[in-house]
């Protein structure tokens, strides 16, 4: 029996679902809303995410903790603290969900 692989690689955490062998779709986009992902944009994104049965996760690129946030929760989206111009990675088992939410994050959802 050969040597066992070392699990502490320093790589970012594996998104939930991926460790089970499921391919995860992901896309990194730039926040387009002039106010960042605050109340109105977060609410619109959460409503759209709730329309999908699949879990959709958001991660603020460059944050210290790489914490994944549930995209169907407007409070969790606001807690990310993503400002205009920040990069956010959208991850899900559903590529359609990733595209939908990523495209919303890129828009200025606070524009009237």
C-alpha atoms as a PDB file:
ATOM      1  CA  UNK A   1       0.000   0.000   0.000  1.00  0.00           C
ATOM      2  CA  UNK A   2       1.443   3.371  -1.076  1.00  0.00           C
ATOM      3  CA  UNK A   3       1.632   6.553   0.931  1.00  0.00           C
ATOM      4  CA  UNK A   4      -1.628   8.236   1.835  1.00  0.00           C
ATOM      5  CA  UNK A   5      -2.287  11.654   0.289  1.00  0.00           C
ATOM      6  CA  UNK A   6      -1.694  14.601   2.589  1.00  0.00           C
ATOM      7  CA  UNK A   7      -4.974  16.449   3.147  1.00  0.00           C
ATOM      8  CA  UNK A   8      -3.491  19.728   4.367  1.00  0.00           C
ATOM      9  CA  UNK A   9      -2.599  21.234   1.000  1.00  0.00           C
ATOM     10  CA  UNK A  10      -3.260  24.874   1.751  1.00  0.00           C
ATOM     11  CA  UNK A  11      -5.862  24.876  -1.043  1.00  0.00           C
ATOM     12  CA  UNK A  12      -9.161  26.678  -0.527  1.00  0.00           C
ATOM     13  CA  UNK A  13     -11.978  24.615   0.996  1.00  0.00           C
ATOM     14  CA  UNK A  14     -13.919  22.354  -1.342  1.00  0.00           C
ATOM     15  CA  UNK A  15     -17.486  23.619  -1.891  1.00  0.00           C
ATOM     16  CA  UNK A  16     -20.201  21.489  -0.324  1.00  0.00           C
ATOM     17  CA  UNK A  17     -21.413  18.887  -2.794  1.00  0.00           C
ATOM     18  CA  UNK A  18     -18.064  18.704  -4.573  1.00  0.00           C
ATOM     19  CA  UNK A  19     -16.636  16.383  -1.906  1.00  0.00           C
ATOM     20  CA  UNK A  20     -19.370  13.892  -2.822  1.00  0.00           C
ATOM     21  CA  UNK A  21     -18.092  13.711  -6.381  1.00  0.00           C
ATOM     22  CA  UNK A  22     -20.663  16.052  -7.894  1.00  0.00           C
ATOM     23  CA  UNK A  23     -19.267  18.594 -10.329  1.00  0.00           C
ATOM     24  CA  UNK A  24     -19.886  22.100  -9.030  1.00  0.00           C
ATOM     25  CA  UNK A  25     -20.443  25.005 -11.377  1.00  0.00           C
ATOM     26  CA  UNK A  26     -18.918  28.301 -10.318  1.00  0.00           C
ATOM     27  CA  UNK A  27     -18.371  31.755 -11.707  1.00  0.00           C
ATOM     28  CA  UNK A  28     -16.551  34.772 -10.289  1.00  0.00           C
ATOM     29  CA  UNK A  29     -18.084  38.154 -11.089  1.00  0.00           C
ATOM     30  CA  UNK A  30     -17.662  41.795 -10.101  1.00  0.00           C
ATOM     31  CA  UNK A  31     -20.368  43.482  -7.993  1.00  0.00           C
ATOM     32  CA  UNK A  32     -22.110  46.007 -10.226  1.00  0.00           C
ATOM     33  CA  UNK A  33     -24.509  47.632  -7.770  1.00  0.00           C
ATOM     34  CA  UNK A  34     -23.310  51.100  -6.832  1.00  0.00           C
ATOM     35  CA  UNK A  35     -24.201  50.413  -3.185  1.00  0.00           C
ATOM     36  CA  UNK A  36     -22.737  46.897  -3.158  1.00  0.00           C
ATOM     37  CA  UNK A  37     -24.801  43.891  -2.093  1.00  0.00           C
ATOM     38  CA  UNK A  38     -26.920  45.772   0.431  1.00  0.00           C
ATOM     39  CA  UNK A  39     -30.667  45.692   1.170  1.00  0.00           C
ATOM     40  CA  UNK A  40     -32.381  45.987  -2.226  1.00  0.00           C
ATOM     41  CA  UNK A  41     -29.821  44.062  -4.327  1.00  0.00           C
ATOM     42  CA  UNK A  42     -29.518  41.367  -1.632  1.00  0.00           C
ATOM     43  CA  UNK A  43     -33.290  40.978  -1.490  1.00  0.00           C
ATOM     44  CA  UNK A  44     -33.613  40.630  -5.280  1.00  0.00           C
ATOM     45  CA  UNK A  45     -30.782  38.098  -5.442  1.00  0.00           C
ATOM     46  CA  UNK A  46     -32.203  36.074  -2.530  1.00  0.00           C
ATOM     47  CA  UNK A  47     -35.642  35.962  -4.190  1.00  0.00           C
ATOM     48  CA  UNK A  48     -34.111  34.703  -7.436  1.00  0.00           C
ATOM     49  CA  UNK A  49     -31.976  32.117  -5.604  1.00  0.00           C
ATOM     50  CA  UNK A  50     -35.036  30.818  -3.734  1.00  0.00           C
ATOM     51  CA  UNK A  51     -36.642  29.921  -7.071  1.00  0.00           C
ATOM     52  CA  UNK A  52     -34.049  27.150  -7.515  1.00  0.00           C
ATOM     53  CA  UNK A  53     -34.163  23.858  -5.615  1.00  0.00           C
ATOM     54  CA  UNK A  54     -30.364  23.682  -5.581  1.00  0.00           C
ATOM     55  CA  UNK A  55     -28.159  25.267  -2.947  1.00  0.00           C
ATOM     56  CA  UNK A  56     -26.421  28.382  -4.275  1.00  0.00           C
ATOM     57  CA  UNK A  57     -23.412  29.683  -2.375  1.00  0.00           C
ATOM     58  CA  UNK A  58     -21.629  33.043  -2.532  1.00  0.00           C
ATOM     59  CA  UNK A  59     -18.044  33.716  -1.471  1.00  0.00           C
ATOM     60  CA  UNK A  60     -16.383  37.134  -1.281  1.00  0.00           C
ATOM     61  CA  UNK A  61     -13.064  36.793  -3.125  1.00  0.00           C
ATOM     62  CA  UNK A  62     -10.128  37.956  -1.029  1.00  0.00           C
ATOM     63  CA  UNK A  63     -11.937  37.806   2.295  1.00  0.00           C
ATOM     64  CA  UNK A  64      -9.955  36.443   5.211  1.00  0.00           C
ATOM     65  CA  UNK A  65     -12.301  33.570   6.024  1.00  0.00           C
ATOM     66  CA  UNK A  66     -13.525  32.326   2.583  1.00  0.00           C
ATOM     67  CA  UNK A  67     -16.925  31.857   4.242  1.00  0.00           C
ATOM     68  CA  UNK A  68     -19.643  30.519   1.950  1.00  0.00           C
ATOM     69  CA  UNK A  69     -22.984  32.316   2.194  1.00  0.00           C
ATOM     70  CA  UNK A  70     -26.432  30.996   1.278  1.00  0.00           C
ATOM     71  CA  UNK A  71     -27.634  33.078  -1.693  1.00  0.00           C
ATOM     72  CA  UNK A  72     -31.286  32.580  -0.734  1.00  0.00           C
ATOM     73  CA  UNK A  73     -30.815  34.632   2.459  1.00  0.00           C
ATOM     74  CA  UNK A  74     -30.766  38.404   1.990  1.00  0.00           C
ATOM     75  CA  UNK A  75     -29.334  38.844   5.503  1.00  0.00           C
ATOM     76  CA  UNK A  76     -26.462  36.470   4.757  1.00  0.00           C
ATOM     77  CA  UNK A  77     -25.783  38.232   1.446  1.00  0.00           C
ATOM     78  CA  UNK A  78     -25.602  41.598   3.230  1.00  0.00           C
ATOM     79  CA  UNK A  79     -23.305  40.045   5.862  1.00  0.00           C
ATOM     80  CA  UNK A  80     -20.782  39.267   3.104  1.00  0.00           C
ATOM     81  CA  UNK A  81     -20.014  42.982   3.023  1.00  0.00           C
ATOM     82  CA  UNK A  82     -19.481  42.978  -0.757  1.00  0.00           C
ATOM     83  CA  UNK A  83     -19.050  46.508  -2.072  1.00  0.00           C
ATOM     84  CA  UNK A  84     -19.193  47.893  -5.623  1.00  0.00           C
ATOM     85  CA  UNK A  85     -16.232  46.491  -7.558  1.00  0.00           C
ATOM     86  CA  UNK A  86     -15.609  43.536  -5.215  1.00  0.00           C
ATOM     87  CA  UNK A  87     -15.455  40.043  -6.692  1.00  0.00           C
ATOM     88  CA  UNK A  88     -17.908  37.353  -5.613  1.00  0.00           C
ATOM     89  CA  UNK A  89     -17.834  33.674  -6.587  1.00  0.00           C
ATOM     90  CA  UNK A  90     -21.183  31.963  -7.167  1.00  0.00           C
ATOM     91  CA  UNK A  91     -21.188  28.164  -6.745  1.00  0.00           C
ATOM     92  CA  UNK A  92     -23.927  25.549  -7.181  1.00  0.00           C
ATOM     93  CA  UNK A  93     -24.637  22.096  -8.571  1.00  0.00           C
ATOM     94  CA  UNK A  94     -26.942  23.879 -11.033  1.00  0.00           C
ATOM     95  CA  UNK A  95     -25.087  25.798 -13.800  1.00  0.00           C
ATOM     96  CA  UNK A  96     -28.296  27.668 -14.704  1.00  0.00           C
ATOM     97  CA  UNK A  97     -28.574  28.933 -11.133  1.00  0.00           C
ATOM     98  CA  UNK A  98     -24.944  30.051 -11.183  1.00  0.00           C
ATOM     99  CA  UNK A  99     -25.471  32.006 -14.415  1.00  0.00           C
ATOM    100  CA  UNK A 100     -28.690  33.639 -13.180  1.00  0.00           C
ATOM    101  CA  UNK A 101     -27.297  34.768  -9.821  1.00  0.00           C
ATOM    102  CA  UNK A 102     -23.908  35.771 -11.265  1.00  0.00           C
ATOM    103  CA  UNK A 103     -25.593  37.931 -13.883  1.00  0.00           C
ATOM    104  CA  UNK A 104     -27.671  39.646 -11.193  1.00  0.00           C
ATOM    105  CA  UNK A 105     -24.593  40.383  -9.070  1.00  0.00           C
ATOM    106  CA  UNK A 106     -22.959  42.063 -12.091  1.00  0.00           C
ATOM    107  CA  UNK A 107     -25.924  44.420 -12.585  1.00  0.00           C
ATOM    108  CA  UNK A 108     -26.628  47.686 -10.774  1.00  0.00           C
ATOM    109  CA  UNK A 109     -29.738  46.358  -9.032  1.00  0.00           C
ATOM    110  CA  UNK A 110     -30.162  49.533  -7.012  1.00  0.00           C
ATOM    111  CA  UNK A 111     -30.701  51.682 -10.102  1.00  0.00           C
ATOM    112  CA  UNK A 112     -34.290  52.828 -10.482  1.00  0.00           C
END
